[in-house]
């Protein structure tokens, strides 16, 4: 992790009060917006800031398909297999 990403993570964590579980999703959204993905370090530090285990944070984040755990590539391809797209 580069120095600027660590600084951004400190700034993001400082915006949220410690232990507030209801702000977990906005916290993860802010981290992903700043870094482009949610790193392992961000999950660990976010968990200690929130007072939650990393498995609970990772478990919650994996439910939502908006969160990424690896950096995204330059080109994004999305496929739709729904009925509307199929027609």
C-alpha atoms as a PDB file:
ATOM      1  CA  UNK A   1       0.000   0.000   0.000  1.00  0.00           C
ATOM      2  CA  UNK A   2       1.359   3.377  -0.930  1.00  0.00           C
ATOM      3  CA  UNK A   3       1.732   6.278   1.474  1.00  0.00           C
ATOM      4  CA  UNK A   4      -1.152   8.252  -0.032  1.00  0.00           C
ATOM      5  CA  UNK A   5      -3.539   5.303   0.313  1.00  0.00           C
ATOM      6  CA  UNK A   6      -2.628   4.966   4.008  1.00  0.00           C
ATOM      7  CA  UNK A   7      -3.162   8.690   4.503  1.00  0.00           C
ATOM      8  CA  UNK A   8      -6.516   8.498   2.722  1.00  0.00           C
ATOM      9  CA  UNK A   9      -7.535   5.582   4.950  1.00  0.00           C
ATOM     10  CA  UNK A  10      -6.660   7.579   8.079  1.00  0.00           C
ATOM     11  CA  UNK A  11      -8.705  10.516   6.802  1.00  0.00           C
ATOM     12  CA  UNK A  12     -11.674   8.299   5.978  1.00  0.00           C
ATOM     13  CA  UNK A  13     -11.605   6.528   9.340  1.00  0.00           C
ATOM     14  CA  UNK A  14     -11.414   9.855  11.170  1.00  0.00           C
ATOM     15  CA  UNK A  15     -14.736  10.912   9.587  1.00  0.00           C
ATOM     16  CA  UNK A  16     -16.597   8.103  11.358  1.00  0.00           C
ATOM     17  CA  UNK A  17     -17.086   7.654  15.083  1.00  0.00           C
ATOM     18  CA  UNK A  18     -15.602   4.535  16.603  1.00  0.00           C
ATOM     19  CA  UNK A  19     -17.915   1.626  17.269  1.00  0.00           C
ATOM     20  CA  UNK A  20     -20.832   2.832  15.125  1.00  0.00           C
ATOM     21  CA  UNK A  21     -21.878  -0.308  13.254  1.00  0.00           C
ATOM     22  CA  UNK A  22     -24.634   1.372  11.257  1.00  0.00           C
ATOM     23  CA  UNK A  23     -22.019   3.433   9.386  1.00  0.00           C
ATOM     24  CA  UNK A  24     -20.104   0.387   8.130  1.00  0.00           C
ATOM     25  CA  UNK A  25     -21.457   0.391   4.567  1.00  0.00           C
ATOM     26  CA  UNK A  26     -20.818   4.127   4.016  1.00  0.00           C
ATOM     27  CA  UNK A  27     -17.313   3.597   5.432  1.00  0.00           C
ATOM     28  CA  UNK A  28     -16.629   0.771   2.977  1.00  0.00           C
ATOM     29  CA  UNK A  29     -18.034   2.861   0.130  1.00  0.00           C
ATOM     30  CA  UNK A  30     -15.705   5.744   1.006  1.00  0.00           C
ATOM     31  CA  UNK A  31     -12.695   3.421   1.178  1.00  0.00           C
ATOM     32  CA  UNK A  32     -13.507   1.924  -2.200  1.00  0.00           C
ATOM     33  CA  UNK A  33     -14.083   5.341  -3.739  1.00  0.00           C
ATOM     34  CA  UNK A  34     -10.676   6.538  -2.538  1.00  0.00           C
ATOM     35  CA  UNK A  35      -8.653   3.405  -3.357  1.00  0.00           C
ATOM     36  CA  UNK A  36     -10.694   1.819  -6.134  1.00  0.00           C
ATOM     37  CA  UNK A  37     -11.124  -1.348  -4.061  1.00  0.00           C
ATOM     38  CA  UNK A  38     -11.193  -2.518  -0.439  1.00  0.00           C
ATOM     39  CA  UNK A  39      -7.810  -3.861   0.608  1.00  0.00           C
ATOM     40  CA  UNK A  40      -7.117  -6.391   3.356  1.00  0.00           C
ATOM     41  CA  UNK A  41      -5.458  -3.662   5.414  1.00  0.00           C
ATOM     42  CA  UNK A  42      -8.544  -1.457   5.066  1.00  0.00           C
ATOM     43  CA  UNK A  43     -10.756  -4.295   6.333  1.00  0.00           C
ATOM     44  CA  UNK A  44      -8.458  -4.960   9.295  1.00  0.00           C
ATOM     45  CA  UNK A  45      -8.112  -1.296  10.257  1.00  0.00           C
ATOM     46  CA  UNK A  46     -11.794  -0.605   9.648  1.00  0.00           C
ATOM     47  CA  UNK A  47     -12.664  -3.558  11.861  1.00  0.00           C
ATOM     48  CA  UNK A  48     -10.550  -2.373  14.741  1.00  0.00           C
ATOM     49  CA  UNK A  49     -11.970   1.148  14.317  1.00  0.00           C
ATOM     50  CA  UNK A  50     -15.540  -0.217  14.363  1.00  0.00           C
ATOM     51  CA  UNK A  51     -14.954  -2.832  17.053  1.00  0.00           C
ATOM     52  CA  UNK A  52     -15.919  -5.628  14.648  1.00  0.00           C
ATOM     53  CA  UNK A  53     -14.058  -8.711  13.548  1.00  0.00           C
ATOM     54  CA  UNK A  54     -12.624  -8.728  10.060  1.00  0.00           C
ATOM     55  CA  UNK A  55     -14.750 -11.764   9.193  1.00  0.00           C
ATOM     56  CA  UNK A  56     -17.945  -9.831   9.960  1.00  0.00           C
ATOM     57  CA  UNK A  57     -16.839  -6.911   7.797  1.00  0.00           C
ATOM     58  CA  UNK A  58     -15.723  -9.161   4.956  1.00  0.00           C
ATOM     59  CA  UNK A  59     -18.942 -11.174   5.273  1.00  0.00           C
ATOM     60  CA  UNK A  60     -21.059  -8.047   4.995  1.00  0.00           C
ATOM     61  CA  UNK A  61     -19.030  -6.634   2.117  1.00  0.00           C
ATOM     62  CA  UNK A  62     -19.270  -9.840   0.080  1.00  0.00           C
ATOM     63  CA  UNK A  63     -23.079  -9.710   0.184  1.00  0.00           C
ATOM     64  CA  UNK A  64     -23.057  -6.556  -1.925  1.00  0.00           C
ATOM     65  CA  UNK A  65     -21.727  -6.819  -5.467  1.00  0.00           C
ATOM     66  CA  UNK A  66     -20.683  -3.159  -5.459  1.00  0.00           C
ATOM     67  CA  UNK A  67     -17.588  -3.902  -3.365  1.00  0.00           C
ATOM     68  CA  UNK A  68     -14.324  -5.072  -4.963  1.00  0.00           C
ATOM     69  CA  UNK A  69     -11.397  -6.678  -3.155  1.00  0.00           C
ATOM     70  CA  UNK A  70      -8.855  -6.428  -5.953  1.00  0.00           C
ATOM     71  CA  UNK A  71      -7.978  -3.381  -8.035  1.00  0.00           C
ATOM     72  CA  UNK A  72     -10.101  -3.026 -11.154  1.00  0.00           C
ATOM     73  CA  UNK A  73      -8.490  -3.164 -14.569  1.00  0.00           C
ATOM     74  CA  UNK A  74      -8.509  -0.444 -17.210  1.00  0.00           C
ATOM     75  CA  UNK A  75     -11.289  -2.007 -19.259  1.00  0.00           C
ATOM     76  CA  UNK A  76     -14.541  -3.063 -17.610  1.00  0.00           C
ATOM     77  CA  UNK A  77     -16.870  -5.534 -19.278  1.00  0.00           C
ATOM     78  CA  UNK A  78     -20.283  -6.220 -17.824  1.00  0.00           C
ATOM     79  CA  UNK A  79     -22.519  -9.008 -19.067  1.00  0.00           C
ATOM     80  CA  UNK A  80     -26.225  -9.092 -18.489  1.00  0.00           C
ATOM     81  CA  UNK A  81     -27.879 -12.491 -18.468  1.00  0.00           C
ATOM     82  CA  UNK A  82     -31.270 -11.227 -17.336  1.00  0.00           C
ATOM     83  CA  UNK A  83     -34.429 -11.769 -19.374  1.00  0.00           C
ATOM     84  CA  UNK A  84     -34.582  -8.166 -20.564  1.00  0.00           C
ATOM     85  CA  UNK A  85     -31.019  -8.221 -21.845  1.00  0.00           C
ATOM     86  CA  UNK A  86     -31.478 -11.644 -23.402  1.00  0.00           C
ATOM     87  CA  UNK A  87     -34.400 -10.441 -25.514  1.00  0.00           C
END
